[in-house]
Amino acid sequence: MTVRILLSLLFLWSSLLLSAQQNLSFEDWAIDSQGIEQPLGWQTNNLYVPLISVNKSSLASEGQYSVHLSSNAFPPEGRAPGHLYTSFSLNQALQGLSFDLQVDSLRDGAYIELNIQAYQQGQLVYADTVQFNRLQTNWSRRYINIPPQTMDSFRLEFIAKTFQTGLGYEGYASCYIDDIRLSQASSIRSFVENTFSFYPRPAQDRIWLKEVEQLDFEPRLYSLQGQLIRSWSKNSQELDILGLAAGQYLLVLQTAKGAYSQILQVH
């Protein structure tokens, strides 16, 4: 029991340290040489007022602040894409990425884009692009599964995407992002995943979680593209999946220590 508690504390401490270094909850901001407030640990395409795509917002899903990302130019040139990105070194492979998203404005075909890139010794070993093209007037938790892969550095980029034309840009996109969490492989994570199971496999109308009594979790179901499909009450062990289309989904147990996932096959 003492070993498990120690592993839990070490994992929680490493997660908090990574979050603080990368400012993944956007609590830390500073004024740059142009007089623009920027999120620490992140780069933007902010140039000068009014060409600003990244702003601090008090509309937060947790903590005091979130980041507001939007297309950043003004007529007659149109709205150029807004960029928010960061890169950092890793000492363990990632297995998932989750964040809170609220999309408040999309016009003329614009959308929000997330680009993920992982590198090992300077070589690209994993890349993924996810588009969010629907309005979400409330906070929505998004989860991106990352296949097991050896990596030593990682890059995230959020874009408020518009379209370039011969006369400038068309479209406008605006969103809020908060509480980014990176699930890393660790001894405590392996312990939890080994005890997380469910039946039947494949499933049709209902599934039951097994060996989760020691966890404090929120069960959620996502598409393999990261779209939240369904959620259930906290610590629910009997999950109704009636009405789901046949196919593969990602069953996620969201806990204070990270998100733990397994593939759910529905027939």
C-alpha atoms as a PDB file:
ATOM      1  CA  MET A   1       0.000   0.000   0.000  1.00  0.00           C
ATOM      2  CA  THR A   2       2.861   2.354   0.861  1.00  0.00           C
ATOM      3  CA  VAL A   3       4.469   1.735  -2.543  1.00  0.00           C
ATOM      4  CA  ARG A   4       1.228   2.571  -4.376  1.00  0.00           C
ATOM      5  CA  ILE A   5       0.786   5.799  -2.423  1.00  0.00           C
ATOM      6  CA  LEU A   6       4.378   6.802  -3.146  1.00  0.00           C
ATOM      7  CA  LEU A   7       3.973   6.073  -6.863  1.00  0.00           C
ATOM      8  CA  SER A   8       0.768   8.125  -6.920  1.00  0.00           C
ATOM      9  CA  LEU A   9       2.489  11.093  -5.294  1.00  0.00           C
ATOM     10  CA  LEU A  10       5.447  10.878  -7.676  1.00  0.00           C
ATOM     11  CA  PHE A  11       3.155  10.742 -10.707  1.00  0.00           C
ATOM     12  CA  LEU A  12       1.044  13.644  -9.462  1.00  0.00           C
ATOM     13  CA  TRP A  13       4.158  15.713  -8.756  1.00  0.00           C
ATOM     14  CA  SER A  14       5.617  15.048 -12.222  1.00  0.00           C
ATOM     15  CA  SER A  15       2.288  15.997 -13.833  1.00  0.00           C
ATOM     16  CA  LEU A  16       2.089  19.241 -11.851  1.00  0.00           C
ATOM     17  CA  LEU A  17       5.721  20.059 -12.690  1.00  0.00           C
ATOM     18  CA  LEU A  18       5.153  19.495 -16.413  1.00  0.00           C
ATOM     19  CA  SER A  19       1.977  21.597 -16.290  1.00  0.00           C
ATOM     20  CA  ALA A  20       3.762  24.454 -14.524  1.00  0.00           C
ATOM     21  CA  GLN A  21       6.716  24.409 -16.930  1.00  0.00           C
ATOM     22  CA  GLN A  22       4.524  24.448 -20.021  1.00  0.00           C
ATOM     23  CA  ASN A  23       1.742  26.645 -18.607  1.00  0.00           C
ATOM     24  CA  LEU A  24      -0.839  24.133 -19.841  1.00  0.00           C
ATOM     25  CA  SER A  25      -3.645  25.830 -17.907  1.00  0.00           C
ATOM     26  CA  PHE A  26      -2.705  29.338 -19.128  1.00  0.00           C
ATOM     27  CA  GLU A  27      -2.423  30.800 -15.633  1.00  0.00           C
ATOM     28  CA  ASP A  28       0.945  32.499 -16.303  1.00  0.00           C
ATOM     29  CA  TRP A  29       1.257  35.514 -18.619  1.00  0.00           C
ATOM     30  CA  ALA A  30       3.854  38.244 -19.215  1.00  0.00           C
ATOM     31  CA  ILE A  31       4.146  41.487 -21.198  1.00  0.00           C
ATOM     32  CA  ASP A  32       6.585  41.233 -24.138  1.00  0.00           C
ATOM     33  CA  SER A  33       8.747  43.933 -25.695  1.00  0.00           C
ATOM     34  CA  GLN A  34       5.840  45.044 -27.925  1.00  0.00           C
ATOM     35  CA  GLY A  35       3.624  45.607 -24.889  1.00  0.00           C
ATOM     36  CA  ILE A  36       1.465  42.542 -25.662  1.00  0.00           C
ATOM     37  CA  GLU A  37       0.498  40.099 -22.922  1.00  0.00           C
ATOM     38  CA  GLN A  38       1.539  36.583 -23.961  1.00  0.00           C
ATOM     39  CA  PRO A  39       1.105  33.141 -22.322  1.00  0.00           C
ATOM     40  CA  LEU A  40       4.414  31.973 -20.847  1.00  0.00           C
ATOM     41  CA  GLY A  41       5.853  28.894 -22.538  1.00  0.00           C
ATOM     42  CA  TRP A  42       3.847  29.465 -25.728  1.00  0.00           C
ATOM     43  CA  GLN A  43       4.546  31.239 -29.019  1.00  0.00           C
ATOM     44  CA  THR A  44       1.980  33.175 -31.026  1.00  0.00           C
ATOM     45  CA  ASN A  45       1.706  35.214 -34.202  1.00  0.00           C
ATOM     46  CA  ASN A  46       0.764  38.323 -32.225  1.00  0.00           C
ATOM     47  CA  LEU A  47       2.458  41.282 -33.925  1.00  0.00           C
ATOM     48  CA  TYR A  48       1.064  44.527 -32.607  1.00  0.00           C
ATOM     49  CA  VAL A  49      -2.308  45.951 -31.677  1.00  0.00           C
ATOM     50  CA  PRO A  50      -4.738  45.275 -33.383  1.00  0.00           C
ATOM     51  CA  LEU A  51      -2.946  42.293 -35.026  1.00  0.00           C
ATOM     52  CA  ILE A  52      -3.418  40.011 -32.021  1.00  0.00           C
ATOM     53  CA  SER A  53      -4.649  36.434 -32.249  1.00  0.00           C
ATOM     54  CA  VAL A  54      -4.009  35.297 -28.653  1.00  0.00           C
ATOM     55  CA  ASN A  55      -5.493  36.998 -25.589  1.00  0.00           C
ATOM     56  CA  LYS A  56      -5.836  36.203 -21.897  1.00  0.00           C
ATOM     57  CA  SER A  57      -9.422  35.471 -20.887  1.00  0.00           C
ATOM     58  CA  SER A  58     -11.149  35.157 -17.519  1.00  0.00           C
ATOM     59  CA  LEU A  59     -13.654  32.767 -19.146  1.00  0.00           C
ATOM     60  CA  ALA A  60     -11.911  29.717 -17.667  1.00  0.00           C
ATOM     61  CA  SER A  61     -12.969  26.108 -17.230  1.00  0.00           C
ATOM     62  CA  GLU A  62     -10.556  25.835 -14.283  1.00  0.00           C
ATOM     63  CA  GLY A  63      -8.267  28.271 -12.495  1.00  0.00           C
ATOM     64  CA  GLN A  64      -8.469  31.999 -13.209  1.00  0.00           C
ATOM     65  CA  TYR A  65      -7.624  32.241 -16.905  1.00  0.00           C
ATOM     66  CA  SER A  66      -7.895  30.531 -20.265  1.00  0.00           C
ATOM     67  CA  VAL A  67      -6.521  31.498 -23.671  1.00  0.00           C
ATOM     68  CA  HIS A  68      -8.685  33.139 -26.345  1.00  0.00           C
ATOM     69  CA  LEU A  69      -7.504  32.253 -29.860  1.00  0.00           C
ATOM     70  CA  SER A  70      -8.935  33.939 -32.945  1.00  0.00           C
ATOM     71  CA  SER A  71      -8.193  35.022 -36.498  1.00  0.00           C
ATOM     72  CA  ASN A  72      -6.186  38.205 -36.128  1.00  0.00           C
ATOM     73  CA  ALA A  73      -6.276  40.690 -39.002  1.00  0.00           C
ATOM     74  CA  PHE A  74      -8.817  43.296 -40.047  1.00  0.00           C
ATOM     75  CA  PRO A  75     -10.488  44.426 -43.323  1.00  0.00           C
ATOM     76  CA  PRO A  76      -9.698  44.976 -46.162  1.00  0.00           C
ATOM     77  CA  GLU A  77      -7.026  42.231 -45.906  1.00  0.00           C
ATOM     78  CA  GLY A  78      -9.389  39.904 -44.078  1.00  0.00           C
ATOM     79  CA  ARG A  79      -8.725  37.698 -41.083  1.00  0.00           C
ATOM     80  CA  ALA A  80      -5.402  35.831 -41.147  1.00  0.00           C
ATOM     81  CA  PRO A  81      -5.150  32.548 -39.196  1.00  0.00           C
ATOM     82  CA  GLY A  82      -4.293  32.835 -35.509  1.00  0.00           C
ATOM     83  CA  HIS A  83      -1.507  30.580 -34.170  1.00  0.00           C
ATOM     84  CA  LEU A  84      -0.716  29.305 -30.675  1.00  0.00           C
ATOM     85  CA  TYR A  85       2.021  26.688 -30.290  1.00  0.00           C
ATOM     86  CA  THR A  86       4.590  25.203 -27.944  1.00  0.00           C
ATOM     87  CA  SER A  87       7.332  22.552 -27.983  1.00  0.00           C
ATOM     88  CA  PHE A  88       8.982  20.718 -25.110  1.00  0.00           C
ATOM     89  CA  SER A  89      11.193  17.772 -24.246  1.00  0.00           C
ATOM     90  CA  LEU A  90       9.863  14.530 -22.800  1.00  0.00           C
ATOM     91  CA  ASN A  91      11.372  11.842 -20.627  1.00  0.00           C
ATOM     92  CA  GLN A  92       8.438   9.463 -21.132  1.00  0.00           C
ATOM     93  CA  ALA A  93       6.190   8.641 -24.069  1.00  0.00           C
ATOM     94  CA  LEU A  94       2.767  10.270 -24.188  1.00  0.00           C
ATOM     95  CA  GLN A  95      -0.385   8.169 -24.409  1.00  0.00           C
ATOM     96  CA  GLY A  96      -3.052  10.856 -24.595  1.00  0.00           C
ATOM     97  CA  LEU A  97      -3.864  14.541 -24.726  1.00  0.00           C
ATOM     98  CA  SER A  98      -6.998  16.168 -23.299  1.00  0.00           C
ATOM     99  CA  PHE A  99      -8.162  19.781 -23.066  1.00  0.00           C
ATOM    100  CA  ASP A 100     -11.223  21.960 -22.606  1.00  0.00           C
ATOM    101  CA  LEU A 101     -12.520  23.733 -25.709  1.00  0.00           C
ATOM    102  CA  GLN A 102     -15.241  26.295 -26.357  1.00  0.00           C
ATOM    103  CA  VAL A 103     -15.775  27.425 -29.971  1.00  0.00           C
ATOM    104  CA  ASP A 104     -17.745  30.660 -29.960  1.00  0.00           C
ATOM    105  CA  SER A 105     -17.510  31.821 -33.587  1.00  0.00           C
ATOM    106  CA  LEU A 106     -17.015  30.189 -37.009  1.00  0.00           C
ATOM    107  CA  ARG A 107     -17.826  32.096 -40.183  1.00  0.00           C
ATOM    108  CA  ASP A 108     -17.492  31.426 -43.903  1.00  0.00           C
ATOM    109  CA  GLY A 109     -15.972  27.959 -43.603  1.00  0.00           C
ATOM    110  CA  ALA A 110     -13.372  28.787 -40.951  1.00  0.00           C
ATOM    111  CA  TYR A 111     -12.536  26.211 -38.250  1.00  0.00           C
ATOM    112  CA  ILE A 112     -10.242  25.431 -35.341  1.00  0.00           C
ATOM    113  CA  GLU A 113      -7.333  23.101 -36.070  1.00  0.00           C
ATOM    114  CA  LEU A 114      -5.034  21.167 -33.717  1.00  0.00           C
ATOM    115  CA  ASN A 115      -1.696  19.906 -35.042  1.00  0.00           C
ATOM    116  CA  ILE A 116       0.300  17.340 -33.040  1.00  0.00           C
ATOM    117  CA  GLN A 117       3.870  16.324 -33.853  1.00  0.00           C
ATOM    118  CA  ALA A 118       6.243  14.015 -31.971  1.00  0.00           C
ATOM    119  CA  TYR A 119       9.969  13.622 -32.625  1.00  0.00           C
ATOM    120  CA  GLN A 120      12.677  11.133 -31.688  1.00  0.00           C
ATOM    121  CA  GLN A 121      16.260  12.350 -32.134  1.00  0.00           C
ATOM    122  CA  GLY A 122      15.068  15.037 -34.538  1.00  0.00           C
ATOM    123  CA  GLN A 123      13.015  12.674 -36.717  1.00  0.00           C
ATOM    124  CA  LEU A 124       9.245  13.017 -37.008  1.00  0.00           C
ATOM    125  CA  VAL A 125       7.723   9.794 -35.605  1.00  0.00           C
ATOM    126  CA  TYR A 126       4.072  10.787 -35.169  1.00  0.00           C
ATOM    127  CA  ALA A 127       1.771  13.485 -36.532  1.00  0.00           C
ATOM    128  CA  ASP A 128      -1.957  14.110 -36.383  1.00  0.00           C
ATOM    129  CA  THR A 129      -4.339  16.906 -37.350  1.00  0.00           C
ATOM    130  CA  VAL A 130      -7.791  17.339 -35.804  1.00  0.00           C
ATOM    131  CA  GLN A 131     -10.381  19.868 -36.988  1.00  0.00           C
ATOM    132  CA  PHE A 132     -13.189  21.356 -34.905  1.00  0.00           C
ATOM    133  CA  ASN A 133     -15.795  22.870 -37.228  1.00  0.00           C
ATOM    134  CA  ARG A 134     -18.864  23.142 -34.985  1.00  0.00           C
ATOM    135  CA  LEU A 135     -19.853  25.814 -32.504  1.00  0.00           C
ATOM    136  CA  GLN A 136     -19.635  24.806 -28.829  1.00  0.00           C
ATOM    137  CA  THR A 137     -21.097  27.535 -26.651  1.00  0.00           C
ATOM    138  CA  ASN A 138     -20.201  25.610 -23.468  1.00  0.00           C
ATOM    139  CA  TRP A 139     -16.924  24.041 -22.396  1.00  0.00           C
ATOM    140  CA  SER A 140     -16.381  20.581 -23.893  1.00  0.00           C
ATOM    141  CA  ARG A 141     -13.658  18.154 -22.798  1.00  0.00           C
ATOM    142  CA  ARG A 142     -11.738  16.752 -25.770  1.00  0.00           C
ATOM    143  CA  TYR A 143      -9.486  13.717 -25.670  1.00  0.00           C
ATOM    144  CA  ILE A 144      -6.919  12.769 -28.334  1.00  0.00           C
ATOM    145  CA  ASN A 145      -5.493   9.265 -28.141  1.00  0.00           C
ATOM    146  CA  ILE A 146      -1.794   9.024 -29.021  1.00  0.00           C
ATOM    147  CA  PRO A 147      -0.508   5.590 -30.147  1.00  0.00           C
ATOM    148  CA  PRO A 148       2.393   4.257 -28.037  1.00  0.00           C
ATOM    149  CA  GLN A 149       5.529   5.697 -29.602  1.00  0.00           C
ATOM    150  CA  THR A 150       9.075   6.433 -28.460  1.00  0.00           C
ATOM    151  CA  MET A 151       9.513  10.197 -28.519  1.00  0.00           C
ATOM    152  CA  ASP A 152      11.801  12.751 -26.905  1.00  0.00           C
ATOM    153  CA  SER A 153      10.058  15.982 -27.943  1.00  0.00           C
ATOM    154  CA  PHE A 154       6.508  17.074 -28.647  1.00  0.00           C
ATOM    155  CA  ARG A 155       4.850  20.009 -30.433  1.00  0.00           C
ATOM    156  CA  LEU A 156       1.291  21.294 -30.081  1.00  0.00           C
ATOM    157  CA  GLU A 157      -0.229  23.950 -32.331  1.00  0.00           C
ATOM    158  CA  PHE A 158      -3.743  25.379 -32.234  1.00  0.00           C
ATOM    159  CA  ILE A 159      -4.856  27.411 -35.269  1.00  0.00           C
ATOM    160  CA  ALA A 160      -7.898  29.610 -35.799  1.00  0.00           C
ATOM    161  CA  LYS A 161      -8.002  28.627 -39.462  1.00  0.00           C
ATOM    162  CA  THR A 162      -9.127  30.863 -42.327  1.00  0.00           C
ATOM    163  CA  PHE A 163      -8.562  30.731 -46.088  1.00  0.00           C
ATOM    164  CA  GLN A 164      -6.161  32.811 -48.161  1.00  0.00           C
ATOM    165  CA  THR A 165      -7.420  34.279 -51.427  1.00  0.00           C
ATOM    166  CA  GLY A 166      -5.916  36.562 -54.032  1.00  0.00           C
ATOM    167  CA  LEU A 167      -7.264  39.567 -52.126  1.00  0.00           C
ATOM    168  CA  GLY A 168      -6.470  38.468 -48.565  1.00  0.00           C
ATOM    169  CA  TYR A 169      -8.290  36.055 -46.274  1.00  0.00           C
ATOM    170  CA  GLU A 170     -11.841  34.776 -45.915  1.00  0.00           C
ATOM    171  CA  GLY A 171     -13.565  33.514 -42.795  1.00  0.00           C
ATOM    172  CA  TYR A 172     -13.226  34.055 -39.069  1.00  0.00           C
ATOM    173  CA  ALA A 173     -12.714  31.597 -36.192  1.00  0.00           C
ATOM    174  CA  SER A 174     -12.623  32.144 -32.434  1.00  0.00           C
ATOM    175  CA  CYS A 175     -12.284  29.736 -29.499  1.00  0.00           C
ATOM    176  CA  TYR A 176     -11.210  29.379 -25.857  1.00  0.00           C
ATOM    177  CA  ILE A 177      -8.761  26.696 -24.680  1.00  0.00           C
ATOM    178  CA  ASP A 178      -7.981  25.629 -21.120  1.00  0.00           C
ATOM    179  CA  ASP A 179      -6.686  22.839 -18.851  1.00  0.00           C
ATOM    180  CA  ILE A 180      -4.492  20.903 -21.288  1.00  0.00           C
ATOM    181  CA  ARG A 181      -3.367  17.583 -19.804  1.00  0.00           C
ATOM    182  CA  LEU A 182      -0.784  15.156 -21.134  1.00  0.00           C
ATOM    183  CA  SER A 183      -1.105  11.521 -20.074  1.00  0.00           C
ATOM    184  CA  GLN A 184       2.349   9.980 -19.748  1.00  0.00           C
ATOM    185  CA  ALA A 185       3.373   6.362 -19.262  1.00  0.00           C
ATOM    186  CA  SER A 186       4.426   5.623 -15.697  1.00  0.00           C
ATOM    187  CA  SER A 187       4.483   2.812 -13.177  1.00  0.00           C
ATOM    188  CA  ILE A 188       1.328   4.047 -11.444  1.00  0.00           C
ATOM    189  CA  ARG A 189      -0.398   4.446 -14.823  1.00  0.00           C
ATOM    190  CA  SER A 190       0.504   0.883 -15.790  1.00  0.00           C
ATOM    191  CA  PHE A 191      -0.942  -0.354 -12.504  1.00  0.00           C
ATOM    192  CA  VAL A 192      -4.247   1.415 -13.131  1.00  0.00           C
ATOM    193  CA  GLU A 193      -4.504   0.291 -16.753  1.00  0.00           C
ATOM    194  CA  ASN A 194      -3.856  -3.328 -15.814  1.00  0.00           C
ATOM    195  CA  THR A 195      -6.848  -3.280 -13.466  1.00  0.00           C
ATOM    196  CA  PHE A 196      -9.207  -1.355 -15.801  1.00  0.00           C
ATOM    197  CA  SER A 197     -11.367  -3.792 -17.758  1.00  0.00           C
ATOM    198  CA  PHE A 198     -14.920  -4.182 -19.015  1.00  0.00           C
ATOM    199  CA  TYR A 199     -17.263  -6.758 -20.536  1.00  0.00           C
ATOM    200  CA  PRO A 200     -18.745  -7.947 -22.826  1.00  0.00           C
ATOM    201  CA  ARG A 201     -16.315  -7.606 -25.739  1.00  0.00           C
ATOM    202  CA  PRO A 202     -17.551  -6.729 -28.290  1.00  0.00           C
ATOM    203  CA  ALA A 203     -20.521  -4.905 -26.792  1.00  0.00           C
ATOM    204  CA  GLN A 204     -23.986  -3.992 -28.010  1.00  0.00           C
ATOM    205  CA  ASP A 205     -26.360  -2.336 -25.528  1.00  0.00           C
ATOM    206  CA  ARG A 206     -24.532  -2.168 -22.191  1.00  0.00           C
ATOM    207  CA  ILE A 207     -21.091  -2.730 -20.667  1.00  0.00           C
ATOM    208  CA  TRP A 208     -19.867  -3.277 -17.114  1.00  0.00           C
ATOM    209  CA  LEU A 209     -16.550  -1.957 -15.780  1.00  0.00           C
ATOM    210  CA  LYS A 210     -14.431  -4.330 -13.701  1.00  0.00           C
ATOM    211  CA  GLU A 211     -11.790  -3.773 -10.996  1.00  0.00           C
ATOM    212  CA  VAL A 212     -12.319  -0.008 -10.746  1.00  0.00           C
ATOM    213  CA  GLU A 213     -13.528   0.146  -7.135  1.00  0.00           C
ATOM    214  CA  GLN A 214     -10.309   1.845  -6.014  1.00  0.00           C
ATOM    215  CA  LEU A 215     -10.589   4.624  -8.619  1.00  0.00           C
ATOM    216  CA  ASP A 216     -12.394   7.954  -8.503  1.00  0.00           C
ATOM    217  CA  PHE A 217     -13.295   8.475 -12.153  1.00  0.00           C
ATOM    218  CA  GLU A 218     -15.655   9.946 -14.725  1.00  0.00           C
ATOM    219  CA  PRO A 219     -16.425   7.537 -17.617  1.00  0.00           C
ATOM    220  CA  ARG A 220     -16.587   9.107 -21.079  1.00  0.00           C
ATOM    221  CA  LEU A 221     -16.843   7.770 -24.604  1.00  0.00           C
ATOM    222  CA  TYR A 222     -15.071   9.408 -27.553  1.00  0.00           C
ATOM    223  CA  SER A 223     -14.833   8.754 -31.253  1.00  0.00           C
ATOM    224  CA  LEU A 224     -11.350   7.857 -32.510  1.00  0.00           C
ATOM    225  CA  GLN A 225     -11.214  11.428 -33.874  1.00  0.00           C
ATOM    226  CA  GLY A 226     -11.585  12.895 -30.375  1.00  0.00           C
ATOM    227  CA  GLN A 227     -15.279  13.844 -30.453  1.00  0.00           C
ATOM    228  CA  LEU A 228     -17.090  13.341 -27.142  1.00  0.00           C
ATOM    229  CA  ILE A 229     -19.932  10.883 -27.842  1.00  0.00           C
ATOM    230  CA  ARG A 230     -21.371  10.125 -24.400  1.00  0.00           C
ATOM    231  CA  SER A 231     -20.638  10.580 -20.692  1.00  0.00           C
ATOM    232  CA  TRP A 232     -22.026   8.965 -17.540  1.00  0.00           C
ATOM    233  CA  SER A 233     -22.318   9.762 -13.851  1.00  0.00           C
ATOM    234  CA  LYS A 234     -19.179   9.733 -11.743  1.00  0.00           C
ATOM    235  CA  ASN A 235     -17.927   6.244 -10.783  1.00  0.00           C
ATOM    236  CA  SER A 236     -20.652   4.517 -12.830  1.00  0.00           C
ATOM    237  CA  GLN A 237     -19.737   0.876 -13.437  1.00  0.00           C
ATOM    238  CA  GLU A 238     -22.752  -0.035 -15.619  1.00  0.00           C
ATOM    239  CA  LEU A 239     -22.692   1.998 -18.844  1.00  0.00           C
ATOM    240  CA  ASP A 240     -25.609   2.216 -21.269  1.00  0.00           C
ATOM    241  CA  ILE A 241     -24.371   2.286 -24.906  1.00  0.00           C
ATOM    242  CA  LEU A 242     -27.760   1.684 -26.517  1.00  0.00           C
ATOM    243  CA  GLY A 243     -28.131   3.448 -29.856  1.00  0.00           C
ATOM    244  CA  LEU A 244     -24.431   3.682 -30.720  1.00  0.00           C
ATOM    245  CA  ALA A 245     -23.505   2.920 -34.322  1.00  0.00           C
ATOM    246  CA  ALA A 246     -21.375  -0.159 -34.879  1.00  0.00           C
ATOM    247  CA  GLY A 247     -17.649   0.545 -34.852  1.00  0.00           C
ATOM    248  CA  GLN A 248     -14.733   1.388 -32.583  1.00  0.00           C
ATOM    249  CA  TYR A 249     -14.777   4.007 -29.829  1.00  0.00           C
ATOM    250  CA  LEU A 250     -12.404   5.149 -27.094  1.00  0.00           C
ATOM    251  CA  LEU A 251     -13.625   4.445 -23.562  1.00  0.00           C
ATOM    252  CA  VAL A 252     -11.907   6.872 -21.185  1.00  0.00           C
ATOM    253  CA  LEU A 253     -11.808   6.954 -17.394  1.00  0.00           C
ATOM    254  CA  GLN A 254     -10.923  10.541 -16.470  1.00  0.00           C
ATOM    255  CA  THR A 255      -9.246  10.773 -13.045  1.00  0.00           C
ATOM    256  CA  ALA A 256      -7.297  13.391 -11.144  1.00  0.00           C
ATOM    257  CA  LYS A 257      -4.097  11.590 -12.152  1.00  0.00           C
ATOM    258  CA  GLY A 258      -4.828  11.409 -15.869  1.00  0.00           C
ATOM    259  CA  ALA A 259      -7.043   9.811 -18.485  1.00  0.00           C
ATOM    260  CA  TYR A 260      -6.972   6.025 -18.942  1.00  0.00           C
ATOM    261  CA  SER A 261      -8.390   4.533 -22.098  1.00  0.00           C
ATOM    262  CA  GLN A 262      -9.269   1.322 -23.906  1.00  0.00           C
ATOM    263  CA  ILE A 263     -10.834   0.601 -27.269  1.00  0.00           C
ATOM    264  CA  LEU A 264     -14.525  -0.324 -27.173  1.00  0.00           C
ATOM    265  CA  GLN A 265     -15.871  -2.362 -30.089  1.00  0.00           C
ATOM    266  CA  VAL A 266     -19.620  -1.986 -30.653  1.00  0.00           C
ATOM    267  CA  HIS A 267     -21.498  -4.355 -32.978  1.00  0.00           C
END
